[in-house]
Amino acid sequence: MSSLRKRKVAKIENAYVAQQEKKVQTVEKKRRGLMRRLTLYSVFAALFLILAVTTLVTQNAALDEKVQQKKEMQVKLAKLEKDETLLKEEIVKLNDDDYIAKIARRDYFLSDNGEILFTLPKGKEDSD
């Protein structure tokens, strides 16, 4: 191979050879342009894909957080609804005069006419 390089070979120079070389150069130029466009499109596609995946991961994390908050709020709502029913029952009881009299006797040591109240210790702590 090195012997071929050392030899001087004359190149045919006519219109056909020039036309063929120009055709080869045009094809080569189109091929390079195509490769550049494909590379550019690939870069844009990769950037779009990265952006889309990042967005999906971020939205998934936010959604998980909202689901957790919803569960916590549902527990809180159930507790508040239970408290509401207890308070409504208390309102109904407070409209009853006998219940009010019972609370007055228990908490404020009030008595009816001729009634004597005795207070008993409630537990071990009171008897010591």
N, C-alpha and C. Protein backbone atom coordinates (compact mmCIF):
# COMPACT_ATOMS: atom_id res chain seq x y z
N MET A 1 0.82 -1.18 0.00
CA MET A 1 0.00 0.00 0.00
C MET A 1 0.87 1.25 0.00
N SER A 2 1.93 1.20 0.74
CA SER A 2 2.81 2.36 0.76
C SER A 2 3.48 2.57 -0.59
N SER A 3 3.62 1.49 -1.35
CA SER A 3 4.22 1.64 -2.68
C SER A 3 3.27 2.36 -3.63
N LEU A 4 1.96 2.19 -3.41
CA LEU A 4 1.00 2.89 -4.25
C LEU A 4 0.99 4.39 -3.96
N ARG A 5 1.20 4.74 -2.75
CA ARG A 5 1.21 6.15 -2.38
C ARG A 5 2.44 6.85 -2.93
N LYS A 6 3.49 6.11 -3.02
CA LYS A 6 4.71 6.72 -3.53
C LYS A 6 4.62 6.97 -5.03
N ARG A 7 3.84 6.14 -5.70
CA ARG A 7 3.69 6.34 -7.13
C ARG A 7 2.82 7.55 -7.40
N LYS A 8 3.12 8.18 -8.41
CA LYS A 8 2.31 9.32 -8.80
C LYS A 8 1.33 8.84 -9.85
N VAL A 9 0.04 8.99 -9.52
CA VAL A 9 -1.00 8.56 -10.44
C VAL A 9 -1.69 9.81 -10.96
N ALA A 10 -1.84 9.86 -12.23
CA ALA A 10 -2.49 11.02 -12.84
C ALA A 10 -3.99 10.87 -12.70
N LYS A 11 -4.61 11.97 -12.51
CA LYS A 11 -6.04 11.99 -12.34
C LYS A 11 -6.67 12.45 -13.65
N ILE A 12 -7.75 11.76 -14.02
CA ILE A 12 -8.43 12.13 -15.26
C ILE A 12 -9.24 13.38 -14.97
N GLU A 13 -9.05 14.35 -15.78
CA GLU A 13 -9.80 15.59 -15.58
C GLU A 13 -10.63 15.85 -16.81
N ASN A 14 -11.91 15.53 -16.68
CA ASN A 14 -12.86 15.87 -17.74
C ASN A 14 -14.20 16.22 -17.08
N ALA A 15 -15.19 16.55 -17.85
CA ALA A 15 -16.48 17.02 -17.33
C ALA A 15 -17.22 15.93 -16.57
N TYR A 16 -17.14 14.69 -17.08
CA TYR A 16 -17.83 13.58 -16.41
C TYR A 16 -17.28 13.34 -15.02
N VAL A 17 -15.93 13.32 -14.88
CA VAL A 17 -15.30 13.09 -13.58
C VAL A 17 -15.65 14.23 -12.63
N ALA A 18 -15.63 15.46 -13.13
CA ALA A 18 -15.97 16.62 -12.30
C ALA A 18 -17.43 16.53 -11.85
N GLN A 19 -18.30 16.11 -12.76
CA GLN A 19 -19.71 15.97 -12.43
C GLN A 19 -19.91 14.89 -11.36
N GLN A 20 -19.22 13.79 -11.49
CA GLN A 20 -19.32 12.70 -10.51
C GLN A 20 -18.78 13.14 -9.15
N GLU A 21 -17.68 13.87 -9.13
CA GLU A 21 -17.13 14.36 -7.86
C GLU A 21 -18.09 15.35 -7.21
N LYS A 22 -18.70 16.21 -8.04
CA LYS A 22 -19.66 17.18 -7.52
C LYS A 22 -20.88 16.44 -6.95
N LYS A 23 -21.31 15.38 -7.62
CA LYS A 23 -22.44 14.58 -7.15
C LYS A 23 -22.11 13.92 -5.82
N VAL A 24 -20.89 13.37 -5.71
CA VAL A 24 -20.45 12.74 -4.46
C VAL A 24 -20.41 13.78 -3.35
N GLN A 25 -19.89 14.98 -3.65
CA GLN A 25 -19.82 16.04 -2.64
C GLN A 25 -21.22 16.47 -2.22
N THR A 26 -22.16 16.56 -3.15
CA THR A 26 -23.53 16.95 -2.84
C THR A 26 -24.20 15.90 -1.95
N VAL A 27 -24.00 14.63 -2.30
CA VAL A 27 -24.57 13.55 -1.48
C VAL A 27 -23.96 13.59 -0.08
N GLU A 28 -22.65 13.80 -0.03
CA GLU A 28 -21.97 13.86 1.28
C GLU A 28 -22.47 15.05 2.09
N LYS A 29 -22.70 16.20 1.42
CA LYS A 29 -23.20 17.40 2.11
C LYS A 29 -24.62 17.16 2.63
N LYS A 30 -25.47 16.52 1.82
CA LYS A 30 -26.83 16.21 2.25
C LYS A 30 -26.82 15.25 3.43
N ARG A 31 -25.91 14.29 3.36
CA ARG A 31 -25.80 13.31 4.45
C ARG A 31 -25.39 13.98 5.76
N ARG A 32 -24.41 14.90 5.69
CA ARG A 32 -24.00 15.63 6.89
C ARG A 32 -25.15 16.48 7.43
N GLY A 33 -25.90 17.15 6.52
CA GLY A 33 -27.06 17.95 6.94
C GLY A 33 -28.11 17.09 7.61
N LEU A 34 -28.36 15.91 7.03
CA LEU A 34 -29.32 14.99 7.62
C LEU A 34 -28.88 14.55 9.02
N MET A 35 -27.61 14.23 9.15
CA MET A 35 -27.09 13.80 10.46
C MET A 35 -27.19 14.93 11.48
N ARG A 36 -26.92 16.14 11.05
CA ARG A 36 -27.04 17.29 11.98
C ARG A 36 -28.49 17.48 12.42
N ARG A 37 -29.42 17.41 11.45
CA ARG A 37 -30.84 17.57 11.79
C ARG A 37 -31.30 16.45 12.72
N LEU A 38 -30.91 15.22 12.41
CA LEU A 38 -31.31 14.11 13.27
C LEU A 38 -30.72 14.25 14.68
N THR A 39 -29.49 14.71 14.76
CA THR A 39 -28.87 14.94 16.07
C THR A 39 -29.62 16.03 16.83
N LEU A 40 -29.95 17.11 16.14
CA LEU A 40 -30.68 18.21 16.78
C LEU A 40 -32.06 17.74 17.25
N TYR A 41 -32.77 17.01 16.39
CA TYR A 41 -34.07 16.49 16.79
C TYR A 41 -33.96 15.52 17.96
N SER A 42 -32.93 14.72 17.97
CA SER A 42 -32.73 13.78 19.07
C SER A 42 -32.47 14.52 20.38
N VAL A 43 -31.68 15.59 20.30
CA VAL A 43 -31.42 16.39 21.52
C VAL A 43 -32.72 17.00 22.04
N PHE A 44 -33.52 17.57 21.12
CA PHE A 44 -34.79 18.16 21.54
C PHE A 44 -35.73 17.09 22.10
N ALA A 45 -35.77 15.93 21.48
CA ALA A 45 -36.62 14.85 21.98
C ALA A 45 -36.17 14.40 23.36
N ALA A 46 -34.85 14.31 23.57
CA ALA A 46 -34.32 13.90 24.87
C ALA A 46 -34.67 14.95 25.93
N LEU A 47 -34.52 16.23 25.59
CA LEU A 47 -34.86 17.30 26.54
C LEU A 47 -36.35 17.27 26.88
N PHE A 48 -37.18 17.07 25.86
CA PHE A 48 -38.62 16.99 26.10
C PHE A 48 -38.95 15.80 26.98
N LEU A 49 -38.32 14.68 26.72
CA LEU A 49 -38.56 13.47 27.52
C LEU A 49 -38.13 13.68 28.97
N ILE A 50 -36.98 14.30 29.17
CA ILE A 50 -36.50 14.57 30.53
C ILE A 50 -37.47 15.51 31.24
N LEU A 51 -37.90 16.55 30.55
CA LEU A 51 -38.85 17.50 31.14
C LEU A 51 -40.17 16.82 31.49
N ALA A 52 -40.65 15.96 30.59
CA ALA A 52 -41.91 15.27 30.85
C ALA A 52 -41.80 14.32 32.04
N VAL A 53 -40.71 13.58 32.11
CA VAL A 53 -40.52 12.64 33.23
C VAL A 53 -40.39 13.41 34.54
N THR A 54 -39.64 14.50 34.53
CA THR A 54 -39.49 15.31 35.74
C THR A 54 -40.84 15.86 36.20
N THR A 55 -41.63 16.33 35.26
CA THR A 55 -42.95 16.86 35.59
C THR A 55 -43.84 15.76 36.18
N LEU A 56 -43.81 14.59 35.56
CA LEU A 56 -44.64 13.49 36.06
C LEU A 56 -44.22 13.08 37.47
N VAL A 57 -42.92 13.01 37.73
CA VAL A 57 -42.45 12.63 39.07
C VAL A 57 -42.87 13.68 40.09
N THR A 58 -42.72 14.95 39.74
CA THR A 58 -43.11 16.04 40.65
C THR A 58 -44.61 16.00 40.93
N GLN A 59 -45.41 15.81 39.88
CA GLN A 59 -46.86 15.77 40.06
C GLN A 59 -47.28 14.55 40.87
N ASN A 60 -46.59 13.44 40.67
CA ASN A 60 -46.91 12.23 41.44
C ASN A 60 -46.63 12.44 42.92
N ALA A 61 -45.50 13.10 43.22
CA ALA A 61 -45.18 13.39 44.63
C ALA A 61 -46.23 14.33 45.23
N ALA A 62 -46.62 15.35 44.47
CA ALA A 62 -47.64 16.28 44.97
C ALA A 62 -48.98 15.57 45.16
N LEU A 63 -49.32 14.68 44.25
CA LEU A 63 -50.56 13.92 44.37
C LEU A 63 -50.55 13.02 45.60
N ASP A 64 -49.43 12.36 45.84
CA ASP A 64 -49.31 11.51 47.04
C ASP A 64 -49.49 12.34 48.31
N GLU A 65 -48.91 13.53 48.30
CA GLU A 65 -49.04 14.41 49.47
C GLU A 65 -50.51 14.82 49.67
N LYS A 66 -51.19 15.13 48.58
CA LYS A 66 -52.60 15.52 48.67
C LYS A 66 -53.46 14.35 49.14
N VAL A 67 -53.15 13.15 48.69
CA VAL A 67 -53.89 11.96 49.13
C VAL A 67 -53.72 11.77 50.64
N GLN A 68 -52.48 11.95 51.11
CA GLN A 68 -52.21 11.82 52.56
C GLN A 68 -52.98 12.89 53.33
N GLN A 69 -52.97 14.12 52.82
CA GLN A 69 -53.72 15.19 53.49
C GLN A 69 -55.22 14.88 53.50
N LYS A 70 -55.72 14.32 52.41
CA LYS A 70 -57.14 13.97 52.35
C LYS A 70 -57.48 12.94 53.41
N LYS A 71 -56.63 11.92 53.57
CA LYS A 71 -56.87 10.90 54.59
C LYS A 71 -56.89 11.52 55.98
N GLU A 72 -55.93 12.41 56.24
CA GLU A 72 -55.88 13.07 57.55
C GLU A 72 -57.13 13.92 57.77
N MET A 73 -57.57 14.62 56.74
CA MET A 73 -58.76 15.46 56.86
C MET A 73 -60.01 14.61 57.04
N GLN A 74 -60.08 13.44 56.42
CA GLN A 74 -61.23 12.56 56.60
C GLN A 74 -61.30 12.06 58.04
N VAL A 75 -60.14 11.73 58.63
CA VAL A 75 -60.11 11.31 60.03
C VAL A 75 -60.56 12.46 60.92
N LYS A 76 -60.06 13.65 60.62
CA LYS A 76 -60.43 14.82 61.41
C LYS A 76 -61.93 15.11 61.26
N LEU A 77 -62.46 14.96 60.04
CA LEU A 77 -63.88 15.19 59.80
C LEU A 77 -64.73 14.19 60.57
N ALA A 78 -64.32 12.93 60.59
CA ALA A 78 -65.08 11.91 61.32
C ALA A 78 -65.11 12.26 62.81
N LYS A 79 -63.97 12.70 63.35
CA LYS A 79 -63.92 13.08 64.77
C LYS A 79 -64.83 14.28 65.04
N LEU A 80 -64.78 15.27 64.15
CA LEU A 80 -65.62 16.45 64.34
C LEU A 80 -67.10 16.11 64.21
N GLU A 81 -67.46 15.21 63.31
CA GLU A 81 -68.86 14.80 63.19
C GLU A 81 -69.32 14.07 64.45
N LYS A 82 -68.43 13.26 65.02
CA LYS A 82 -68.77 12.58 66.27
C LYS A 82 -68.98 13.60 67.39
N ASP A 83 -68.07 14.59 67.45
CA ASP A 83 -68.23 15.65 68.45
C ASP A 83 -69.53 16.42 68.24
N GLU A 84 -69.88 16.65 66.98
CA GLU A 84 -71.11 17.37 66.67
C GLU A 84 -72.33 16.61 67.17
N THR A 85 -72.36 15.30 66.97
CA THR A 85 -73.51 14.52 67.44
C THR A 85 -73.58 14.54 68.96
N LEU A 86 -72.41 14.46 69.62
CA LEU A 86 -72.41 14.53 71.08
C LEU A 86 -72.91 15.89 71.56
N LEU A 87 -72.50 16.96 70.88
CA LEU A 87 -72.94 18.28 71.28
C LEU A 87 -74.43 18.48 71.02
N LYS A 88 -74.94 17.91 69.93
CA LYS A 88 -76.38 18.01 69.66
C LYS A 88 -77.17 17.25 70.74
N GLU A 89 -76.65 16.09 71.14
CA GLU A 89 -77.31 15.34 72.22
C GLU A 89 -77.29 16.15 73.51
N GLU A 90 -76.16 16.82 73.76
CA GLU A 90 -76.04 17.66 74.97
C GLU A 90 -77.04 18.81 74.91
N ILE A 91 -77.25 19.40 73.73
CA ILE A 91 -78.23 20.48 73.59
C ILE A 91 -79.63 19.97 73.91
N VAL A 92 -79.97 18.79 73.39
CA VAL A 92 -81.29 18.21 73.67
C VAL A 92 -81.45 17.97 75.16
N LYS A 93 -80.39 17.46 75.80
CA LYS A 93 -80.46 17.19 77.24
C LYS A 93 -80.58 18.48 78.04
N LEU A 94 -79.88 19.53 77.59
CA LEU A 94 -79.94 20.80 78.32
C LEU A 94 -81.31 21.47 78.22
N ASN A 95 -82.11 21.08 77.29
CA ASN A 95 -83.48 21.60 77.22
C ASN A 95 -84.41 20.87 78.20
N ASP A 96 -83.91 19.84 78.85
CA ASP A 96 -84.70 19.07 79.81
C ASP A 96 -84.40 19.60 81.22
N ASP A 97 -85.45 20.00 81.93
CA ASP A 97 -85.27 20.57 83.26
C ASP A 97 -84.72 19.56 84.26
N ASP A 98 -85.13 18.31 84.17
CA ASP A 98 -84.62 17.28 85.09
C ASP A 98 -83.10 17.10 84.93
N TYR A 99 -82.63 17.15 83.69
CA TYR A 99 -81.19 16.99 83.45
C TYR A 99 -80.42 18.18 84.03
N ILE A 100 -80.94 19.39 83.85
CA ILE A 100 -80.30 20.59 84.40
C ILE A 100 -80.25 20.50 85.92
N ALA A 101 -81.33 20.02 86.54
CA ALA A 101 -81.37 19.88 87.99
C ALA A 101 -80.33 18.85 88.44
N LYS A 102 -80.19 17.78 87.70
CA LYS A 102 -79.21 16.74 88.05
C LYS A 102 -77.78 17.31 87.98
N ILE A 103 -77.48 18.09 86.93
CA ILE A 103 -76.14 18.70 86.80
C ILE A 103 -75.91 19.70 87.93
N ALA A 104 -76.94 20.48 88.27
CA ALA A 104 -76.80 21.47 89.35
C ALA A 104 -76.53 20.77 90.67
N ARG A 105 -77.18 19.66 90.92
CA ARG A 105 -76.94 18.93 92.16
C ARG A 105 -75.51 18.36 92.17
N ARG A 106 -75.10 17.80 91.04
CA ARG A 106 -73.80 17.13 90.98
C ARG A 106 -72.65 18.13 91.04
N ASP A 107 -72.70 19.19 90.23
CA ASP A 107 -71.57 20.10 90.11
C ASP A 107 -71.58 21.21 91.15
N TYR A 108 -72.76 21.70 91.53
CA TYR A 108 -72.83 22.86 92.41
C TYR A 108 -73.42 22.54 93.78
N PHE A 109 -73.67 21.28 94.03
CA PHE A 109 -74.19 20.82 95.32
C PHE A 109 -75.47 21.56 95.72
N LEU A 110 -76.36 21.76 94.79
CA LEU A 110 -77.65 22.38 95.08
C LEU A 110 -78.64 21.27 95.41
N SER A 111 -79.61 21.61 96.20
CA SER A 111 -80.57 20.58 96.60
C SER A 111 -82.00 21.10 96.47
N ASP A 112 -82.92 20.15 96.41
CA ASP A 112 -84.35 20.50 96.42
C ASP A 112 -84.77 20.79 97.85
N ASN A 113 -86.02 21.20 98.00
CA ASN A 113 -86.54 21.44 99.35
C ASN A 113 -86.57 20.12 100.11
N GLY A 114 -85.98 20.11 101.28
CA GLY A 114 -85.99 18.94 102.15
C GLY A 114 -84.99 17.87 101.73
N GLU A 115 -84.15 18.15 100.83
CA GLU A 115 -83.19 17.16 100.35
C GLU A 115 -81.84 17.41 101.01
N ILE A 116 -81.17 16.34 101.43
CA ILE A 116 -79.85 16.45 102.05
C ILE A 116 -78.85 15.79 101.11
N LEU A 117 -77.76 16.50 100.86
CA LEU A 117 -76.74 15.98 99.94
C LEU A 117 -75.57 15.43 100.74
N PHE A 118 -75.08 14.30 100.31
CA PHE A 118 -73.89 13.70 100.89
C PHE A 118 -72.86 13.56 99.79
N THR A 119 -71.62 13.93 100.05
CA THR A 119 -70.57 13.75 99.05
C THR A 119 -69.71 12.57 99.48
N LEU A 120 -69.51 11.70 98.56
CA LEU A 120 -68.70 10.50 98.81
C LEU A 120 -67.39 10.63 98.06
N PRO A 121 -66.34 10.08 98.63
CA PRO A 121 -65.07 10.12 97.90
C PRO A 121 -65.19 9.30 96.61
N LYS A 122 -64.56 9.80 95.57
CA LYS A 122 -64.68 9.15 94.27
C LYS A 122 -63.69 8.02 94.08
N GLY A 123 -62.54 8.08 94.71
CA GLY A 123 -61.56 7.03 94.48
C GLY A 123 -60.57 6.97 95.60
N LYS A 124 -59.51 6.23 95.40
CA LYS A 124 -58.47 6.03 96.40
C LYS A 124 -57.80 7.34 96.80
N GLU A 125 -57.61 8.24 95.80
CA GLU A 125 -56.90 9.51 96.09
C GLU A 125 -57.66 10.35 97.11
N ASP A 126 -59.02 10.33 97.03
CA ASP A 126 -59.82 11.16 97.90
C ASP A 126 -59.84 10.63 99.34
N SER A 127 -59.69 9.35 99.52
CA SER A 127 -59.79 8.76 100.86
C SER A 127 -58.48 8.90 101.64
N ASP A 128 -57.38 9.21 100.98
CA ASP A 128 -56.10 9.31 101.71
C ASP A 128 -55.99 10.56 102.46
